[in-house]
Amino acid sequence: MKTSGGEIIEVSGFLGTTTNNVAEYAGLLEALSLAAAEGATEVEVISDSLLLVQQMLGKYKVKHPNLVPMYNKAKTMVRQFARFSIRHTLRAGNKDADRLANAGLDRPEVRVSGKLIERHRADS
């Protein structure tokens, strides 16, 4: 997440064994929670999950029972922002997300605590 002041806030998490789609929604929910906690009024999400993006845009139905409650929570959460947008990018354009996903799997402190939040400036 990049704040309006230029600070980058990165979150890595460990979910255990789950599906990619559940992990994508967990990441979206975490990002929305963090944005709300930081006082964001406008949120732009860029995801390499076409399914997640199309579902959030209302173009695809959410059928899987594990995703329905996550989708409903995300739709409720986005209403708190004055502006919310979501768009798809190819996986190659989302290298930071891959790096954070790997940190969630590879770093022992994330596996123990479940989450790691790191803050830094965009220029560092």
N, C-alpha and C. Protein backbone atom coordinates (compact mmCIF):
# COMPACT_ATOMS: atom_id res chain seq x y z
N MET A 1 0.85 -1.16 0.00
CA MET A 1 0.00 0.00 0.00
C MET A 1 0.89 1.23 0.00
N LYS A 2 0.53 2.20 -0.79
CA LYS A 2 1.27 3.46 -0.82
C LYS A 2 0.34 4.56 -0.31
N THR A 3 0.78 5.27 0.72
CA THR A 3 -0.03 6.34 1.29
C THR A 3 0.12 7.61 0.46
N SER A 4 -0.76 8.56 0.69
CA SER A 4 -0.67 9.83 -0.03
C SER A 4 0.61 10.59 0.32
N GLY A 5 1.20 10.28 1.48
CA GLY A 5 2.45 10.91 1.89
C GLY A 5 3.69 10.21 1.35
N GLY A 6 3.51 9.18 0.55
CA GLY A 6 4.64 8.50 -0.07
C GLY A 6 5.19 7.32 0.72
N GLU A 7 4.58 7.01 1.87
CA GLU A 7 5.03 5.86 2.64
C GLU A 7 4.46 4.59 2.03
N ILE A 8 5.31 3.56 1.97
CA ILE A 8 4.87 2.26 1.48
C ILE A 8 4.71 1.34 2.67
N ILE A 9 3.54 0.72 2.77
CA ILE A 9 3.25 -0.22 3.84
C ILE A 9 3.03 -1.57 3.18
N GLU A 10 3.88 -2.54 3.56
CA GLU A 10 3.80 -3.88 2.97
C GLU A 10 3.39 -4.88 4.04
N VAL A 11 2.50 -5.77 3.68
CA VAL A 11 2.02 -6.79 4.60
C VAL A 11 2.25 -8.16 3.99
N SER A 12 2.85 -9.05 4.76
CA SER A 12 2.99 -10.45 4.37
C SER A 12 2.22 -11.27 5.39
N GLY A 13 1.59 -12.32 4.95
CA GLY A 13 0.85 -13.16 5.87
C GLY A 13 1.02 -14.62 5.56
N PHE A 14 0.72 -15.43 6.56
CA PHE A 14 0.78 -16.88 6.40
C PHE A 14 -0.61 -17.43 6.65
N LEU A 15 -1.18 -18.10 5.66
CA LEU A 15 -2.54 -18.62 5.76
C LEU A 15 -2.60 -20.12 5.95
N GLY A 16 -1.47 -20.79 5.87
CA GLY A 16 -1.48 -22.25 5.91
C GLY A 16 -1.87 -22.78 4.53
N THR A 17 -2.45 -23.95 4.51
CA THR A 17 -2.85 -24.57 3.25
C THR A 17 -4.22 -24.05 2.85
N THR A 18 -4.28 -23.43 1.68
CA THR A 18 -5.54 -22.89 1.18
C THR A 18 -5.45 -22.76 -0.34
N THR A 19 -6.51 -22.28 -0.95
CA THR A 19 -6.49 -22.10 -2.41
C THR A 19 -5.94 -20.72 -2.76
N ASN A 20 -5.52 -20.58 -4.01
CA ASN A 20 -5.06 -19.27 -4.49
C ASN A 20 -6.16 -18.23 -4.38
N ASN A 21 -7.38 -18.62 -4.69
CA ASN A 21 -8.48 -17.65 -4.66
C ASN A 21 -8.77 -17.16 -3.24
N VAL A 22 -8.73 -18.06 -2.27
CA VAL A 22 -8.91 -17.66 -0.87
C VAL A 22 -7.77 -16.74 -0.46
N ALA A 23 -6.56 -17.05 -0.87
CA ALA A 23 -5.41 -16.20 -0.55
C ALA A 23 -5.55 -14.82 -1.17
N GLU A 24 -6.05 -14.75 -2.40
CA GLU A 24 -6.26 -13.45 -3.05
C GLU A 24 -7.28 -12.61 -2.27
N TYR A 25 -8.37 -13.23 -1.87
CA TYR A 25 -9.38 -12.50 -1.10
C TYR A 25 -8.85 -12.12 0.29
N ALA A 26 -8.07 -12.99 0.91
CA ALA A 26 -7.48 -12.65 2.21
C ALA A 26 -6.58 -11.43 2.07
N GLY A 27 -5.82 -11.38 0.99
CA GLY A 27 -4.95 -10.23 0.73
C GLY A 27 -5.75 -8.96 0.51
N LEU A 28 -6.84 -9.06 -0.24
CA LEU A 28 -7.70 -7.90 -0.48
C LEU A 28 -8.30 -7.40 0.83
N LEU A 29 -8.81 -8.32 1.64
CA LEU A 29 -9.41 -7.92 2.92
C LEU A 29 -8.39 -7.26 3.84
N GLU A 30 -7.18 -7.79 3.86
CA GLU A 30 -6.12 -7.21 4.69
C GLU A 30 -5.78 -5.81 4.19
N ALA A 31 -5.68 -5.65 2.88
CA ALA A 31 -5.36 -4.34 2.30
C ALA A 31 -6.46 -3.32 2.61
N LEU A 32 -7.70 -3.74 2.50
CA LEU A 32 -8.81 -2.83 2.81
C LEU A 32 -8.84 -2.45 4.28
N SER A 33 -8.56 -3.42 5.15
CA SER A 33 -8.50 -3.14 6.59
C SER A 33 -7.39 -2.16 6.91
N LEU A 34 -6.24 -2.37 6.32
CA LEU A 34 -5.09 -1.49 6.55
C LEU A 34 -5.38 -0.09 6.01
N ALA A 35 -5.97 -0.01 4.83
CA ALA A 35 -6.30 1.29 4.26
C ALA A 35 -7.27 2.05 5.17
N ALA A 36 -8.27 1.36 5.69
CA ALA A 36 -9.23 1.99 6.59
C ALA A 36 -8.53 2.45 7.88
N ALA A 37 -7.67 1.60 8.43
CA ALA A 37 -6.96 1.95 9.67
C ALA A 37 -6.04 3.15 9.46
N GLU A 38 -5.52 3.31 8.26
CA GLU A 38 -4.63 4.43 7.95
C GLU A 38 -5.40 5.69 7.58
N GLY A 39 -6.73 5.59 7.53
CA GLY A 39 -7.55 6.76 7.23
C GLY A 39 -7.72 7.07 5.76
N ALA A 40 -7.47 6.10 4.91
CA ALA A 40 -7.60 6.32 3.46
C ALA A 40 -9.05 6.63 3.10
N THR A 41 -9.21 7.51 2.14
CA THR A 41 -10.54 7.80 1.60
C THR A 41 -10.67 7.31 0.17
N GLU A 42 -9.53 7.11 -0.49
CA GLU A 42 -9.51 6.60 -1.86
C GLU A 42 -8.58 5.40 -1.92
N VAL A 43 -9.05 4.33 -2.57
CA VAL A 43 -8.26 3.11 -2.66
C VAL A 43 -8.30 2.61 -4.10
N GLU A 44 -7.11 2.30 -4.61
CA GLU A 44 -6.99 1.65 -5.91
C GLU A 44 -6.28 0.33 -5.68
N VAL A 45 -6.90 -0.76 -6.10
CA VAL A 45 -6.32 -2.09 -5.96
C VAL A 45 -5.91 -2.56 -7.35
N ILE A 46 -4.68 -3.07 -7.43
CA ILE A 46 -4.18 -3.65 -8.67
C ILE A 46 -3.85 -5.10 -8.36
N SER A 47 -4.51 -6.02 -9.02
CA SER A 47 -4.37 -7.44 -8.70
C SER A 47 -4.08 -8.24 -9.97
N ASP A 48 -3.29 -9.31 -9.79
CA ASP A 48 -3.05 -10.21 -10.92
C ASP A 48 -4.06 -11.35 -10.92
N SER A 49 -5.06 -11.29 -10.04
CA SER A 49 -6.11 -12.29 -10.02
C SER A 49 -7.30 -11.78 -10.84
N LEU A 50 -7.42 -12.27 -12.06
CA LEU A 50 -8.53 -11.86 -12.91
C LEU A 50 -9.87 -12.24 -12.28
N LEU A 51 -9.93 -13.40 -11.65
CA LEU A 51 -11.17 -13.83 -11.01
C LEU A 51 -11.59 -12.83 -9.94
N LEU A 52 -10.69 -12.47 -9.06
CA LEU A 52 -10.99 -11.52 -7.98
C LEU A 52 -11.46 -10.19 -8.56
N VAL A 53 -10.73 -9.66 -9.53
CA VAL A 53 -11.09 -8.37 -10.12
C VAL A 53 -12.47 -8.43 -10.75
N GLN A 54 -12.71 -9.45 -11.55
CA GLN A 54 -14.00 -9.54 -12.25
C GLN A 54 -15.15 -9.76 -11.27
N GLN A 55 -14.91 -10.51 -10.20
CA GLN A 55 -15.95 -10.69 -9.19
C GLN A 55 -16.23 -9.38 -8.47
N MET A 56 -15.18 -8.66 -8.09
CA MET A 56 -15.38 -7.39 -7.38
C MET A 56 -16.06 -6.35 -8.28
N LEU A 57 -15.85 -6.44 -9.59
CA LEU A 57 -16.50 -5.53 -10.53
C LEU A 57 -17.93 -5.97 -10.87
N GLY A 58 -18.33 -7.15 -10.39
CA GLY A 58 -19.67 -7.66 -10.65
C GLY A 58 -19.83 -8.32 -12.00
N LYS A 59 -18.71 -8.59 -12.68
CA LYS A 59 -18.77 -9.23 -14.00
C LYS A 59 -18.83 -10.75 -13.92
N TYR A 60 -18.29 -11.31 -12.85
CA TYR A 60 -18.36 -12.76 -12.61
C TYR A 60 -19.12 -12.97 -11.31
N LYS A 61 -19.91 -14.04 -11.28
CA LYS A 61 -20.60 -14.42 -10.05
C LYS A 61 -19.63 -15.13 -9.11
N VAL A 62 -19.88 -14.99 -7.84
CA VAL A 62 -19.09 -15.71 -6.83
C VAL A 62 -19.88 -16.95 -6.46
N LYS A 63 -19.35 -18.10 -6.85
CA LYS A 63 -20.08 -19.35 -6.66
C LYS A 63 -19.50 -20.22 -5.55
N HIS A 64 -18.19 -20.17 -5.37
CA HIS A 64 -17.56 -21.07 -4.40
C HIS A 64 -17.94 -20.67 -2.99
N PRO A 65 -18.42 -21.63 -2.18
CA PRO A 65 -18.89 -21.30 -0.83
C PRO A 65 -17.82 -20.71 0.09
N ASN A 66 -16.55 -21.01 -0.14
CA ASN A 66 -15.49 -20.42 0.68
C ASN A 66 -15.24 -18.96 0.33
N LEU A 67 -15.58 -18.56 -0.88
CA LEU A 67 -15.34 -17.18 -1.32
C LEU A 67 -16.50 -16.25 -1.04
N VAL A 68 -17.71 -16.77 -0.96
CA VAL A 68 -18.89 -15.92 -0.80
C VAL A 68 -18.79 -15.01 0.43
N PRO A 69 -18.46 -15.52 1.63
CA PRO A 69 -18.38 -14.60 2.77
C PRO A 69 -17.24 -13.59 2.64
N MET A 70 -16.14 -13.99 2.03
CA MET A 70 -15.02 -13.07 1.84
C MET A 70 -15.40 -11.97 0.85
N TYR A 71 -16.07 -12.36 -0.22
CA TYR A 71 -16.55 -11.39 -1.20
C TYR A 71 -17.52 -10.41 -0.56
N ASN A 72 -18.48 -10.93 0.19
CA ASN A 72 -19.46 -10.06 0.84
C ASN A 72 -18.80 -9.08 1.80
N LYS A 73 -17.81 -9.55 2.54
CA LYS A 73 -17.09 -8.66 3.46
C LYS A 73 -16.34 -7.59 2.68
N ALA A 74 -15.68 -7.98 1.60
CA ALA A 74 -14.94 -7.01 0.78
C ALA A 74 -15.89 -5.96 0.19
N LYS A 75 -17.03 -6.38 -0.32
CA LYS A 75 -17.99 -5.44 -0.89
C LYS A 75 -18.49 -4.47 0.17
N THR A 76 -18.69 -4.94 1.39
CA THR A 76 -19.11 -4.07 2.49
C THR A 76 -17.99 -3.09 2.83
N MET A 77 -16.77 -3.59 2.89
CA MET A 77 -15.63 -2.75 3.28
C MET A 77 -15.37 -1.64 2.27
N VAL A 78 -15.52 -1.90 0.98
CA VAL A 78 -15.21 -0.86 -0.01
C VAL A 78 -16.17 0.31 0.06
N ARG A 79 -17.33 0.11 0.64
CA ARG A 79 -18.32 1.19 0.75
C ARG A 79 -17.85 2.30 1.68
N GLN A 80 -16.88 2.01 2.55
CA GLN A 80 -16.41 3.03 3.49
C GLN A 80 -15.48 4.05 2.85
N PHE A 81 -15.04 3.80 1.64
CA PHE A 81 -14.13 4.70 0.95
C PHE A 81 -14.91 5.58 -0.02
N ALA A 82 -14.51 6.85 -0.12
CA ALA A 82 -15.16 7.76 -1.06
C ALA A 82 -14.96 7.29 -2.50
N ARG A 83 -13.80 6.69 -2.76
CA ARG A 83 -13.52 6.17 -4.09
C ARG A 83 -12.79 4.84 -3.96
N PHE A 84 -13.28 3.85 -4.68
CA PHE A 84 -12.63 2.54 -4.73
C PHE A 84 -12.57 2.12 -6.18
N SER A 85 -11.39 1.66 -6.60
CA SER A 85 -11.26 1.10 -7.94
C SER A 85 -10.39 -0.15 -7.85
N ILE A 86 -10.62 -1.04 -8.78
CA ILE A 86 -9.84 -2.27 -8.85
C ILE A 86 -9.60 -2.58 -10.31
N ARG A 87 -8.38 -2.99 -10.61
CA ARG A 87 -8.06 -3.34 -11.99
C ARG A 87 -7.08 -4.51 -12.01
N HIS A 88 -7.06 -5.17 -13.15
CA HIS A 88 -6.23 -6.35 -13.35
C HIS A 88 -4.90 -5.96 -13.97
N THR A 89 -3.85 -6.65 -13.57
CA THR A 89 -2.55 -6.54 -14.21
C THR A 89 -2.04 -7.96 -14.45
N LEU A 90 -1.18 -8.10 -15.41
CA LEU A 90 -0.57 -9.40 -15.63
C LEU A 90 0.38 -9.72 -14.48
N ARG A 91 0.61 -10.96 -14.25
CA ARG A 91 1.45 -11.38 -13.13
C ARG A 91 2.84 -10.73 -13.19
N ALA A 92 3.37 -10.57 -14.38
CA ALA A 92 4.69 -9.95 -14.53
C ALA A 92 4.69 -8.52 -14.03
N GLY A 93 3.53 -7.87 -14.03
CA GLY A 93 3.43 -6.50 -13.56
C GLY A 93 3.16 -6.40 -12.08
N ASN A 94 3.21 -7.51 -11.38
CA ASN A 94 2.87 -7.52 -9.95
C ASN A 94 3.95 -8.23 -9.14
N LYS A 95 5.19 -7.91 -9.42
CA LYS A 95 6.32 -8.59 -8.78
C LYS A 95 6.38 -8.35 -7.28
N ASP A 96 5.95 -7.19 -6.83
CA ASP A 96 5.95 -6.92 -5.38
C ASP A 96 5.02 -7.88 -4.66
N ALA A 97 3.87 -8.16 -5.25
CA ALA A 97 2.93 -9.09 -4.63
C ALA A 97 3.54 -10.49 -4.52
N ASP A 98 4.23 -10.92 -5.56
CA ASP A 98 4.90 -12.23 -5.51
C ASP A 98 5.97 -12.26 -4.43
N ARG A 99 6.72 -11.17 -4.33
CA ARG A 99 7.78 -11.08 -3.31
C ARG A 99 7.18 -11.17 -1.90
N LEU A 100 6.06 -10.47 -1.69
CA LEU A 100 5.42 -10.51 -0.38
C LEU A 100 4.79 -11.86 -0.09
N ALA A 101 4.23 -12.50 -1.11
CA ALA A 101 3.67 -13.84 -0.92
C ALA A 101 4.77 -14.82 -0.52
N ASN A 102 5.91 -14.72 -1.17
CA ASN A 102 7.03 -15.60 -0.82
C ASN A 102 7.55 -15.31 0.59
N ALA A 103 7.54 -14.04 0.98
CA ALA A 103 7.97 -13.70 2.35
C ALA A 103 7.03 -14.34 3.36
N GLY A 104 5.75 -14.38 3.04
CA GLY A 104 4.79 -15.02 3.93
C GLY A 104 5.03 -16.50 4.09
N LEU A 105 5.59 -17.10 3.06
CA LEU A 105 5.88 -18.54 3.11
C LEU A 105 7.25 -18.85 3.67
N ASP A 106 8.22 -17.98 3.39
CA ASP A 106 9.62 -18.30 3.68
C ASP A 106 10.16 -17.74 4.98
N ARG A 107 9.59 -16.67 5.49
CA ARG A 107 10.15 -16.03 6.68
C ARG A 107 9.56 -16.65 7.95
N PRO A 108 10.39 -17.20 8.81
CA PRO A 108 9.90 -17.88 10.01
C PRO A 108 9.04 -17.00 10.91
N GLU A 109 9.38 -15.71 11.03
CA GLU A 109 8.61 -14.84 11.92
C GLU A 109 7.18 -14.64 11.42
N VAL A 110 6.98 -14.72 10.10
CA VAL A 110 5.63 -14.60 9.55
C VAL A 110 4.86 -15.89 9.81
N ARG A 111 5.54 -17.02 9.65
CA ARG A 111 4.87 -18.30 9.87
C ARG A 111 4.43 -18.45 11.33
N VAL A 112 5.17 -17.86 12.25
CA VAL A 112 4.82 -17.96 13.68
C VAL A 112 3.74 -16.96 14.05
N SER A 113 3.92 -15.69 13.66
CA SER A 113 2.98 -14.64 14.08
C SER A 113 1.75 -14.56 13.18
N GLY A 114 1.87 -15.05 11.95
CA GLY A 114 0.77 -14.99 11.01
C GLY A 114 0.79 -13.77 10.11
N LYS A 115 1.51 -12.70 10.54
CA LYS A 115 1.51 -11.47 9.74
C LYS A 115 2.76 -10.66 10.03
N LEU A 116 3.25 -9.96 9.02
CA LEU A 116 4.38 -9.06 9.17
C LEU A 116 4.04 -7.78 8.41
N ILE A 117 4.14 -6.65 9.09
CA ILE A 117 3.89 -5.35 8.46
C ILE A 117 5.20 -4.57 8.48
N GLU A 118 5.61 -4.10 7.32
CA GLU A 118 6.83 -3.30 7.20
C GLU A 118 6.48 -1.98 6.53
N ARG A 119 7.11 -0.90 7.04
CA ARG A 119 6.88 0.44 6.49
C ARG A 119 8.21 1.00 6.00
N HIS A 120 8.18 1.68 4.87
CA HIS A 120 9.36 2.37 4.37
C HIS A 120 8.93 3.46 3.40
N ARG A 121 9.85 4.35 3.11
CA ARG A 121 9.57 5.42 2.16
C ARG A 121 9.72 4.90 0.73
N ALA A 122 9.01 5.48 -0.18
CA ALA A 122 9.08 5.04 -1.57
C ALA A 122 10.48 5.18 -2.15
N ASP A 123 11.26 6.12 -1.63
CA ASP A 123 12.59 6.34 -2.17
C ASP A 123 13.68 5.56 -1.46
N SER A 124 13.31 4.67 -0.53
CA SER A 124 14.35 3.90 0.19
C SER A 124 14.37 2.45 -0.22
